[in-house]
Amino acid sequence: MTGHSTSTITRIVGLFRQLVASDLDEQTPGEDCMIGGEDIVVEIDESKFFNPHTTSSRTNAQVGWIFGGVERTEERRLFVEYVQDRSADILLSIIHRRVHPGSIILSDCWMAYSNIQSQLGIQHFNVNHSRSFVDPLSGAHTNTIEGTWHGLKLAIPQRERSESKISGYLLEFI
């Protein structure tokens, strides 16, 4: 259609992705990088994106985790970050940096989330996915973030899911 080879188009799209990523990386973190707000529901979750066989000598537990959150608003603002591991210290630090106080956080029952309310002072509800996809008492669910993971995985070709390439795709998706 353009008269250029597939490899040329792929290279140009990659350069555009790098341009977007570098522009977003250079912006000063602050209010614009935070989601949620007073009584706004934010769903959080982590998802494995990398194939362990295409990365360096990391163990399976440390390969390819993306942590993120999405608002249940019309804008569906979100954040996504590559994390080395899913420890409480790392995830709570990201939540503190990326989710406004006054928000309502919904998550699954991953143990790292157990101290969100006590350590961050943010209202927190969870759903036990081994029992149901919607908590019968609170109505909490993580369907929005799970759908976001699905869309993001469709947008990133499997061969591009490596530590060296994923940040540009994450920023492009945002």
N, C-alpha and C. Protein backbone atom coordinates (compact mmCIF):
# COMPACT_ATOMS: atom_id res chain seq x y z
N MET A 1 0.83 -1.19 0.00
CA MET A 1 0.00 0.00 0.00
C MET A 1 0.88 1.26 0.00
N THR A 2 1.99 1.27 0.74
CA THR A 2 2.84 2.46 0.81
C THR A 2 3.99 2.41 -0.19
N GLY A 3 4.24 1.22 -0.72
CA GLY A 3 5.37 1.07 -1.62
C GLY A 3 6.68 0.79 -0.88
N HIS A 4 6.59 0.63 0.45
CA HIS A 4 7.78 0.33 1.25
C HIS A 4 7.70 -1.12 1.74
N SER A 5 8.86 -1.66 2.04
CA SER A 5 8.91 -3.05 2.51
C SER A 5 8.35 -3.17 3.93
N THR A 6 7.97 -4.38 4.28
CA THR A 6 7.46 -4.66 5.63
C THR A 6 8.48 -4.30 6.68
N SER A 7 9.76 -4.61 6.42
CA SER A 7 10.79 -4.31 7.42
C SER A 7 10.95 -2.80 7.61
N THR A 8 10.81 -2.02 6.54
CA THR A 8 10.90 -0.56 6.67
C THR A 8 9.74 -0.01 7.50
N ILE A 9 8.53 -0.48 7.22
CA ILE A 9 7.36 -0.03 7.98
C ILE A 9 7.50 -0.43 9.45
N THR A 10 7.96 -1.65 9.71
CA THR A 10 8.16 -2.12 11.09
C THR A 10 9.17 -1.24 11.81
N ARG A 11 10.26 -0.88 11.12
CA ARG A 11 11.29 -0.03 11.72
C ARG A 11 10.73 1.36 12.02
N ILE A 12 9.95 1.93 11.12
CA ILE A 12 9.38 3.27 11.32
C ILE A 12 8.38 3.26 12.47
N VAL A 13 7.53 2.25 12.53
CA VAL A 13 6.57 2.15 13.64
C VAL A 13 7.33 2.02 14.97
N GLY A 14 8.41 1.24 14.98
CA GLY A 14 9.25 1.11 16.17
C GLY A 14 9.85 2.44 16.60
N LEU A 15 10.28 3.25 15.62
CA LEU A 15 10.81 4.58 15.94
C LEU A 15 9.74 5.49 16.53
N PHE A 16 8.53 5.44 15.98
CA PHE A 16 7.42 6.22 16.55
C PHE A 16 7.13 5.77 17.98
N ARG A 17 7.15 4.48 18.23
CA ARG A 17 6.91 3.95 19.57
C ARG A 17 7.97 4.47 20.54
N GLN A 18 9.24 4.47 20.10
CA GLN A 18 10.32 4.99 20.94
C GLN A 18 10.14 6.48 21.22
N LEU A 19 9.69 7.22 20.21
CA LEU A 19 9.46 8.66 20.38
C LEU A 19 8.38 8.92 21.43
N VAL A 20 7.27 8.19 21.35
CA VAL A 20 6.19 8.33 22.33
C VAL A 20 6.70 7.95 23.71
N ALA A 21 7.42 6.83 23.80
CA ALA A 21 7.92 6.35 25.09
C ALA A 21 8.88 7.36 25.71
N SER A 22 9.79 7.91 24.92
CA SER A 22 10.76 8.86 25.50
C SER A 22 10.07 10.14 25.93
N ASP A 23 9.08 10.59 25.18
CA ASP A 23 8.34 11.80 25.56
C ASP A 23 7.60 11.58 26.88
N LEU A 24 6.93 10.44 27.03
CA LEU A 24 6.21 10.16 28.27
C LEU A 24 7.17 9.93 29.43
N ASP A 25 8.32 9.30 29.18
CA ASP A 25 9.31 9.06 30.23
C ASP A 25 9.90 10.35 30.76
N GLU A 26 10.03 11.38 29.91
CA GLU A 26 10.64 12.64 30.31
C GLU A 26 9.70 13.54 31.10
N GLN A 27 8.41 13.25 31.08
CA GLN A 27 7.46 14.07 31.82
C GLN A 27 7.67 13.89 33.31
N THR A 28 7.51 14.96 34.05
CA THR A 28 7.69 14.92 35.49
C THR A 28 6.54 14.17 36.14
N PRO A 29 6.86 13.15 36.95
CA PRO A 29 5.78 12.44 37.65
C PRO A 29 5.04 13.39 38.58
N GLY A 30 3.77 13.25 38.66
CA GLY A 30 2.97 14.10 39.53
C GLY A 30 1.52 13.74 39.40
N GLU A 31 0.67 14.74 39.53
CA GLU A 31 -0.77 14.53 39.48
C GLU A 31 -1.20 13.84 38.19
N ASP A 32 -0.56 14.18 37.06
CA ASP A 32 -0.96 13.60 35.78
C ASP A 32 -0.70 12.11 35.71
N CYS A 33 0.22 11.61 36.52
CA CYS A 33 0.56 10.19 36.50
C CYS A 33 -0.27 9.38 37.48
N MET A 34 -1.14 10.03 38.22
CA MET A 34 -1.96 9.33 39.21
C MET A 34 -3.36 9.12 38.65
N ILE A 35 -3.99 8.02 39.08
CA ILE A 35 -5.36 7.75 38.68
C ILE A 35 -6.23 7.68 39.92
N GLY A 36 -7.53 7.61 39.71
CA GLY A 36 -8.46 7.53 40.83
C GLY A 36 -8.77 8.92 41.36
N GLY A 37 -9.28 8.95 42.57
CA GLY A 37 -9.68 10.19 43.21
C GLY A 37 -10.81 9.88 44.17
N GLU A 38 -11.37 10.90 44.75
CA GLU A 38 -12.41 10.74 45.76
C GLU A 38 -13.54 9.84 45.25
N ASP A 39 -13.70 8.69 45.90
CA ASP A 39 -14.76 7.70 45.61
C ASP A 39 -14.70 7.11 44.19
N ILE A 40 -13.58 7.23 43.52
CA ILE A 40 -13.41 6.59 42.20
C ILE A 40 -12.83 5.20 42.41
N VAL A 41 -13.46 4.21 41.80
CA VAL A 41 -13.01 2.82 41.93
C VAL A 41 -11.83 2.59 40.99
N VAL A 42 -10.77 2.00 41.54
CA VAL A 42 -9.58 1.63 40.78
C VAL A 42 -9.36 0.13 40.98
N GLU A 43 -9.35 -0.61 39.90
CA GLU A 43 -9.05 -2.03 39.96
C GLU A 43 -7.56 -2.22 39.72
N ILE A 44 -6.91 -3.04 40.53
CA ILE A 44 -5.48 -3.31 40.37
C ILE A 44 -5.27 -4.81 40.17
N ASP A 45 -4.18 -5.14 39.50
CA ASP A 45 -3.85 -6.55 39.27
C ASP A 45 -2.46 -6.62 38.68
N GLU A 46 -1.91 -7.81 38.66
CA GLU A 46 -0.64 -8.07 38.01
C GLU A 46 -0.86 -9.19 37.01
N SER A 47 -0.07 -9.17 35.94
CA SER A 47 -0.23 -10.18 34.90
C SER A 47 1.14 -10.52 34.33
N LYS A 48 1.31 -11.78 33.99
CA LYS A 48 2.58 -12.24 33.42
C LYS A 48 2.54 -12.06 31.91
N PHE A 49 3.53 -11.35 31.37
CA PHE A 49 3.56 -11.04 29.95
C PHE A 49 4.67 -11.73 29.19
N PHE A 50 5.77 -12.06 29.85
CA PHE A 50 6.94 -12.57 29.14
C PHE A 50 6.95 -14.08 29.13
N ASN A 51 7.52 -14.61 28.06
CA ASN A 51 7.81 -16.02 27.98
C ASN A 51 9.15 -16.25 28.67
N PRO A 52 9.21 -17.06 29.71
CA PRO A 52 10.47 -17.25 30.43
C PRO A 52 11.61 -17.73 29.55
N HIS A 53 11.31 -18.36 28.44
CA HIS A 53 12.36 -18.90 27.58
C HIS A 53 12.98 -17.86 26.68
N THR A 54 12.41 -16.65 26.63
CA THR A 54 12.98 -15.60 25.77
C THR A 54 13.69 -14.52 26.58
N THR A 55 13.84 -14.72 27.87
CA THR A 55 14.49 -13.70 28.71
C THR A 55 15.83 -14.22 29.21
N SER A 56 16.48 -13.41 30.00
CA SER A 56 17.80 -13.76 30.51
C SER A 56 17.69 -14.88 31.54
N SER A 57 18.63 -14.99 32.41
CA SER A 57 18.70 -16.11 33.34
C SER A 57 17.82 -15.93 34.58
N ARG A 58 16.78 -15.14 34.50
CA ARG A 58 15.89 -14.95 35.65
C ARG A 58 15.09 -16.22 35.91
N THR A 59 14.65 -16.36 37.13
CA THR A 59 13.79 -17.50 37.45
C THR A 59 12.37 -17.19 37.02
N ASN A 60 11.54 -18.20 36.90
CA ASN A 60 10.17 -18.00 36.48
C ASN A 60 9.44 -17.00 37.37
N ALA A 61 9.74 -16.98 38.67
CA ALA A 61 9.05 -16.09 39.60
C ALA A 61 9.39 -14.63 39.35
N GLN A 62 10.48 -14.36 38.64
CA GLN A 62 10.91 -12.99 38.43
C GLN A 62 10.81 -12.54 36.98
N VAL A 63 10.14 -13.29 36.16
CA VAL A 63 10.12 -12.98 34.73
C VAL A 63 8.81 -12.35 34.32
N GLY A 64 8.88 -11.18 33.73
CA GLY A 64 7.79 -10.62 32.97
C GLY A 64 6.51 -10.20 33.64
N TRP A 65 6.54 -9.72 34.86
CA TRP A 65 5.31 -9.28 35.51
C TRP A 65 5.04 -7.81 35.20
N ILE A 66 3.79 -7.53 34.84
CA ILE A 66 3.32 -6.17 34.64
C ILE A 66 2.26 -5.92 35.71
N PHE A 67 2.40 -4.81 36.43
CA PHE A 67 1.44 -4.42 37.46
C PHE A 67 0.72 -3.19 36.96
N GLY A 68 -0.59 -3.14 37.20
CA GLY A 68 -1.32 -1.98 36.73
C GLY A 68 -2.63 -1.75 37.44
N GLY A 69 -3.23 -0.64 37.10
CA GLY A 69 -4.52 -0.28 37.66
C GLY A 69 -5.32 0.48 36.62
N VAL A 70 -6.63 0.36 36.70
CA VAL A 70 -7.51 1.05 35.76
C VAL A 70 -8.70 1.61 36.53
N GLU A 71 -9.10 2.84 36.19
CA GLU A 71 -10.26 3.47 36.80
C GLU A 71 -11.54 2.90 36.19
N ARG A 72 -12.57 2.86 37.00
CA ARG A 72 -13.90 2.57 36.47
C ARG A 72 -14.59 3.90 36.22
N THR A 73 -14.10 4.60 35.22
CA THR A 73 -14.68 5.87 34.79
C THR A 73 -14.84 5.82 33.27
N GLU A 74 -15.48 6.83 32.73
CA GLU A 74 -15.65 6.88 31.28
C GLU A 74 -14.30 6.95 30.56
N GLU A 75 -13.32 7.65 31.17
CA GLU A 75 -11.99 7.80 30.55
C GLU A 75 -11.16 6.52 30.65
N ARG A 76 -11.44 5.70 31.67
CA ARG A 76 -10.67 4.47 31.93
C ARG A 76 -9.17 4.74 31.98
N ARG A 77 -8.78 5.80 32.71
CA ARG A 77 -7.35 6.09 32.85
C ARG A 77 -6.67 4.92 33.52
N LEU A 78 -5.41 4.68 33.19
CA LEU A 78 -4.72 3.53 33.74
C LEU A 78 -3.24 3.81 33.92
N PHE A 79 -2.60 2.94 34.68
CA PHE A 79 -1.15 2.91 34.75
C PHE A 79 -0.74 1.45 34.61
N VAL A 80 0.42 1.24 34.03
CA VAL A 80 1.01 -0.10 33.93
C VAL A 80 2.51 0.06 34.12
N GLU A 81 3.11 -0.87 34.85
CA GLU A 81 4.55 -0.84 35.09
C GLU A 81 5.11 -2.25 35.09
N TYR A 82 6.29 -2.38 34.51
CA TYR A 82 7.02 -3.63 34.60
C TYR A 82 7.59 -3.74 36.02
N VAL A 83 7.44 -4.89 36.66
CA VAL A 83 8.00 -5.09 38.00
C VAL A 83 8.86 -6.34 38.01
N GLN A 84 9.96 -6.28 38.75
CA GLN A 84 10.87 -7.43 38.87
C GLN A 84 10.22 -8.56 39.66
N ASP A 85 9.44 -8.19 40.67
CA ASP A 85 8.71 -9.19 41.44
C ASP A 85 7.43 -8.57 41.99
N ARG A 86 6.57 -9.40 42.57
CA ARG A 86 5.26 -8.94 43.04
C ARG A 86 5.22 -8.85 44.56
N SER A 87 6.30 -8.41 45.17
CA SER A 87 6.34 -8.30 46.62
C SER A 87 5.48 -7.14 47.09
N ALA A 88 5.04 -7.22 48.34
CA ALA A 88 4.19 -6.17 48.92
C ALA A 88 4.91 -4.82 48.89
N ASP A 89 6.20 -4.79 49.22
CA ASP A 89 6.93 -3.52 49.24
C ASP A 89 6.88 -2.83 47.88
N ILE A 90 7.13 -3.57 46.83
CA ILE A 90 7.13 -2.98 45.48
C ILE A 90 5.73 -2.54 45.07
N LEU A 91 4.75 -3.43 45.22
CA LEU A 91 3.40 -3.10 44.76
C LEU A 91 2.77 -1.96 45.57
N LEU A 92 2.96 -1.96 46.90
CA LEU A 92 2.41 -0.88 47.72
C LEU A 92 3.07 0.46 47.39
N SER A 93 4.36 0.43 47.08
CA SER A 93 5.06 1.65 46.69
C SER A 93 4.48 2.22 45.39
N ILE A 94 4.19 1.36 44.45
CA ILE A 94 3.61 1.80 43.18
C ILE A 94 2.19 2.34 43.41
N ILE A 95 1.40 1.64 44.21
CA ILE A 95 0.04 2.11 44.50
C ILE A 95 0.09 3.49 45.15
N HIS A 96 0.99 3.67 46.10
CA HIS A 96 1.14 4.96 46.79
C HIS A 96 1.47 6.07 45.79
N ARG A 97 2.31 5.76 44.82
CA ARG A 97 2.76 6.73 43.81
C ARG A 97 1.73 6.96 42.71
N ARG A 98 0.87 5.97 42.42
CA ARG A 98 0.01 6.04 41.23
C ARG A 98 -1.48 6.16 41.50
N VAL A 99 -1.95 5.93 42.75
CA VAL A 99 -3.39 5.97 43.04
C VAL A 99 -3.66 7.08 44.06
N HIS A 100 -4.57 7.98 43.70
CA HIS A 100 -4.92 9.09 44.59
C HIS A 100 -5.54 8.58 45.89
N PRO A 101 -5.20 9.22 47.02
CA PRO A 101 -5.93 8.94 48.26
C PRO A 101 -7.40 9.26 48.04
N GLY A 102 -8.26 8.55 48.71
CA GLY A 102 -9.70 8.77 48.54
C GLY A 102 -10.31 7.82 47.53
N SER A 103 -9.45 7.13 46.78
CA SER A 103 -9.93 6.14 45.81
C SER A 103 -10.43 4.91 46.55
N ILE A 104 -11.10 4.04 45.83
CA ILE A 104 -11.54 2.75 46.36
C ILE A 104 -10.85 1.70 45.49
N ILE A 105 -9.99 0.89 46.09
CA ILE A 105 -9.23 -0.10 45.34
C ILE A 105 -9.91 -1.46 45.42
N LEU A 106 -10.02 -2.11 44.26
CA LEU A 106 -10.52 -3.48 44.17
C LEU A 106 -9.40 -4.35 43.62
N SER A 107 -9.24 -5.53 44.21
CA SER A 107 -8.18 -6.43 43.76
C SER A 107 -8.60 -7.87 43.97
N ASP A 108 -7.73 -8.77 43.53
CA ASP A 108 -7.92 -10.17 43.89
C ASP A 108 -7.27 -10.36 45.26
N CYS A 109 -7.12 -11.58 45.70
CA CYS A 109 -6.62 -11.85 47.06
C CYS A 109 -5.12 -12.10 47.12
N TRP A 110 -4.36 -11.60 46.16
CA TRP A 110 -2.90 -11.75 46.21
C TRP A 110 -2.40 -11.16 47.52
N MET A 111 -1.57 -11.90 48.25
CA MET A 111 -1.17 -11.52 49.61
C MET A 111 -0.49 -10.16 49.70
N ALA A 112 0.15 -9.71 48.65
CA ALA A 112 0.82 -8.41 48.67
C ALA A 112 -0.16 -7.26 48.85
N TYR A 113 -1.45 -7.49 48.56
CA TYR A 113 -2.46 -6.44 48.67
C TYR A 113 -3.09 -6.35 50.06
N SER A 114 -2.76 -7.26 50.94
CA SER A 114 -3.48 -7.37 52.22
C SER A 114 -3.34 -6.14 53.13
N ASN A 115 -2.31 -5.33 52.94
CA ASN A 115 -2.11 -4.17 53.82
C ASN A 115 -2.38 -2.82 53.14
N ILE A 116 -3.10 -2.83 52.04
CA ILE A 116 -3.37 -1.56 51.34
C ILE A 116 -4.08 -0.57 52.27
N GLN A 117 -5.12 -1.02 52.91
CA GLN A 117 -5.90 -0.11 53.76
C GLN A 117 -5.10 0.33 54.98
N SER A 118 -4.41 -0.59 55.65
CA SER A 118 -3.70 -0.23 56.88
C SER A 118 -2.44 0.60 56.61
N GLN A 119 -1.72 0.32 55.53
CA GLN A 119 -0.47 1.06 55.27
C GLN A 119 -0.67 2.31 54.43
N LEU A 120 -1.64 2.30 53.52
CA LEU A 120 -1.82 3.44 52.62
C LEU A 120 -3.06 4.28 52.95
N GLY A 121 -3.94 3.74 53.78
CA GLY A 121 -5.15 4.46 54.14
C GLY A 121 -6.15 4.59 53.00
N ILE A 122 -6.06 3.69 52.04
CA ILE A 122 -6.99 3.69 50.90
C ILE A 122 -7.97 2.55 51.09
N GLN A 123 -9.25 2.86 50.94
CA GLN A 123 -10.28 1.83 51.09
C GLN A 123 -10.03 0.70 50.10
N HIS A 124 -10.14 -0.55 50.56
CA HIS A 124 -9.77 -1.70 49.74
C HIS A 124 -10.76 -2.85 49.91
N PHE A 125 -11.22 -3.39 48.78
CA PHE A 125 -12.06 -4.58 48.77
C PHE A 125 -11.41 -5.59 47.83
N ASN A 126 -11.65 -6.87 48.10
CA ASN A 126 -11.09 -7.88 47.20
C ASN A 126 -12.12 -8.95 46.86
N VAL A 127 -11.76 -9.73 45.86
CA VAL A 127 -12.58 -10.85 45.44
C VAL A 127 -11.70 -12.09 45.41
N ASN A 128 -12.19 -13.17 45.97
CA ASN A 128 -11.46 -14.43 45.99
C ASN A 128 -11.84 -15.21 44.73
N HIS A 129 -10.94 -15.22 43.76
CA HIS A 129 -11.25 -15.85 42.48
C HIS A 129 -11.37 -17.37 42.56
N SER A 130 -10.91 -17.97 43.64
CA SER A 130 -11.10 -19.42 43.77
C SER A 130 -12.54 -19.74 44.16
N ARG A 131 -13.29 -18.73 44.60
CA ARG A 131 -14.69 -18.93 44.98
C ARG A 131 -15.66 -18.32 43.97
N SER A 132 -15.36 -17.14 43.45
CA SER A 132 -16.25 -16.48 42.49
C SER A 132 -15.49 -15.37 41.78
N PHE A 133 -16.08 -14.86 40.72
CA PHE A 133 -15.47 -13.73 40.01
C PHE A 133 -16.02 -12.40 40.50
N VAL A 134 -17.11 -12.44 41.25
CA VAL A 134 -17.68 -11.24 41.88
C VAL A 134 -17.93 -11.59 43.34
N ASP A 135 -17.39 -10.76 44.25
CA ASP A 135 -17.61 -11.02 45.66
C ASP A 135 -19.09 -10.88 45.98
N PRO A 136 -19.71 -11.91 46.57
CA PRO A 136 -21.15 -11.86 46.81
C PRO A 136 -21.57 -10.81 47.84
N LEU A 137 -20.69 -10.45 48.75
CA LEU A 137 -21.04 -9.46 49.78
C LEU A 137 -20.81 -8.02 49.32
N SER A 138 -19.63 -7.74 48.79
CA SER A 138 -19.28 -6.36 48.43
C SER A 138 -19.57 -6.03 46.96
N GLY A 139 -19.69 -7.05 46.12
CA GLY A 139 -19.86 -6.81 44.69
C GLY A 139 -18.55 -6.51 43.98
N ALA A 140 -17.44 -6.63 44.70
CA ALA A 140 -16.12 -6.33 44.12
C ALA A 140 -15.79 -7.33 43.01
N HIS A 141 -15.22 -6.80 41.93
CA HIS A 141 -14.70 -7.65 40.85
C HIS A 141 -13.55 -6.93 40.17
N THR A 142 -12.77 -7.68 39.41
CA THR A 142 -11.62 -7.12 38.70
C THR A 142 -11.77 -7.33 37.19
N ASN A 143 -12.99 -7.36 36.71
CA ASN A 143 -13.23 -7.62 35.29
C ASN A 143 -12.65 -6.54 34.39
N THR A 144 -12.63 -5.28 34.85
CA THR A 144 -12.12 -4.19 34.02
C THR A 144 -10.62 -4.33 33.78
N ILE A 145 -9.86 -4.59 34.84
CA ILE A 145 -8.41 -4.74 34.66
C ILE A 145 -8.09 -6.03 33.92
N GLU A 146 -8.85 -7.08 34.16
CA GLU A 146 -8.63 -8.34 33.42
C GLU A 146 -8.88 -8.12 31.93
N GLY A 147 -9.91 -7.36 31.58
CA GLY A 147 -10.17 -7.02 30.18
C GLY A 147 -9.07 -6.16 29.60
N THR A 148 -8.50 -5.27 30.42
CA THR A 148 -7.39 -4.43 29.98
C THR A 148 -6.18 -5.29 29.66
N TRP A 149 -5.88 -6.27 30.51
CA TRP A 149 -4.76 -7.18 30.25
C TRP A 149 -4.98 -7.91 28.92
N HIS A 150 -6.20 -8.35 28.68
CA HIS A 150 -6.50 -9.06 27.43
C HIS A 150 -6.23 -8.15 26.23
N GLY A 151 -6.72 -6.91 26.29
CA GLY A 151 -6.50 -5.97 25.19
C GLY A 151 -5.03 -5.65 24.99
N LEU A 152 -4.30 -5.50 26.08
CA LEU A 152 -2.87 -5.19 26.00
C LEU A 152 -2.11 -6.36 25.40
N LYS A 153 -2.44 -7.56 25.80
CA LYS A 153 -1.76 -8.75 25.25
C LYS A 153 -2.06 -8.92 23.77
N LEU A 154 -3.26 -8.54 23.33
CA LEU A 154 -3.57 -8.58 21.90
C LEU A 154 -2.75 -7.55 21.13
N ALA A 155 -2.42 -6.42 21.78
CA ALA A 155 -1.70 -5.33 21.12
C ALA A 155 -0.19 -5.56 21.05
N ILE A 156 0.33 -6.49 21.84
CA ILE A 156 1.78 -6.74 21.86
C ILE A 156 2.05 -8.13 21.30
N PRO A 157 2.69 -8.21 20.13
CA PRO A 157 3.01 -9.53 19.59
C PRO A 157 3.87 -10.34 20.56
N GLN A 158 3.66 -11.64 20.60
CA GLN A 158 4.38 -12.51 21.52
C GLN A 158 5.90 -12.33 21.40
N ARG A 159 6.39 -12.19 20.19
CA ARG A 159 7.85 -12.06 19.99
C ARG A 159 8.40 -10.75 20.52
N GLU A 160 7.53 -9.77 20.80
CA GLU A 160 7.95 -8.47 21.31
C GLU A 160 7.85 -8.37 22.83
N ARG A 161 7.44 -9.43 23.48
CA ARG A 161 7.25 -9.41 24.93
C ARG A 161 8.53 -9.80 25.64
N SER A 162 9.46 -8.87 25.69
CA SER A 162 10.71 -9.07 26.41
C SER A 162 11.00 -7.81 27.21
N GLU A 163 11.86 -7.94 28.19
CA GLU A 163 12.17 -6.80 29.07
C GLU A 163 12.69 -5.61 28.27
N SER A 164 13.46 -5.87 27.23
CA SER A 164 14.06 -4.78 26.46
C SER A 164 13.06 -4.06 25.54
N LYS A 165 11.95 -4.71 25.20
CA LYS A 165 11.03 -4.12 24.24
C LYS A 165 9.69 -3.68 24.81
N ILE A 166 9.32 -4.17 25.98
CA ILE A 166 7.93 -4.01 26.43
C ILE A 166 7.57 -2.59 26.86
N SER A 167 8.52 -1.82 27.37
CA SER A 167 8.15 -0.50 27.90
C SER A 167 7.55 0.41 26.84
N GLY A 168 8.05 0.37 25.62
CA GLY A 168 7.48 1.18 24.55
C GLY A 168 6.05 0.80 24.24
N TYR A 169 5.76 -0.49 24.24
CA TYR A 169 4.40 -0.97 23.99
C TYR A 169 3.46 -0.55 25.13
N LEU A 170 3.95 -0.62 26.37
CA LEU A 170 3.11 -0.23 27.51
C LEU A 170 2.76 1.25 27.42
N LEU A 171 3.74 2.09 27.13
CA LEU A 171 3.48 3.52 27.04
C LEU A 171 2.58 3.85 25.84
N GLU A 172 2.77 3.15 24.74
CA GLU A 172 1.89 3.35 23.57
C GLU A 172 0.44 2.99 23.93
N PHE A 173 0.25 1.91 24.66
CA PHE A 173 -1.09 1.47 25.04
C PHE A 173 -1.77 2.51 25.92
N ILE A 174 -1.01 3.07 26.88
CA ILE A 174 -1.56 4.08 27.78
C ILE A 174 -2.01 5.28 26.97
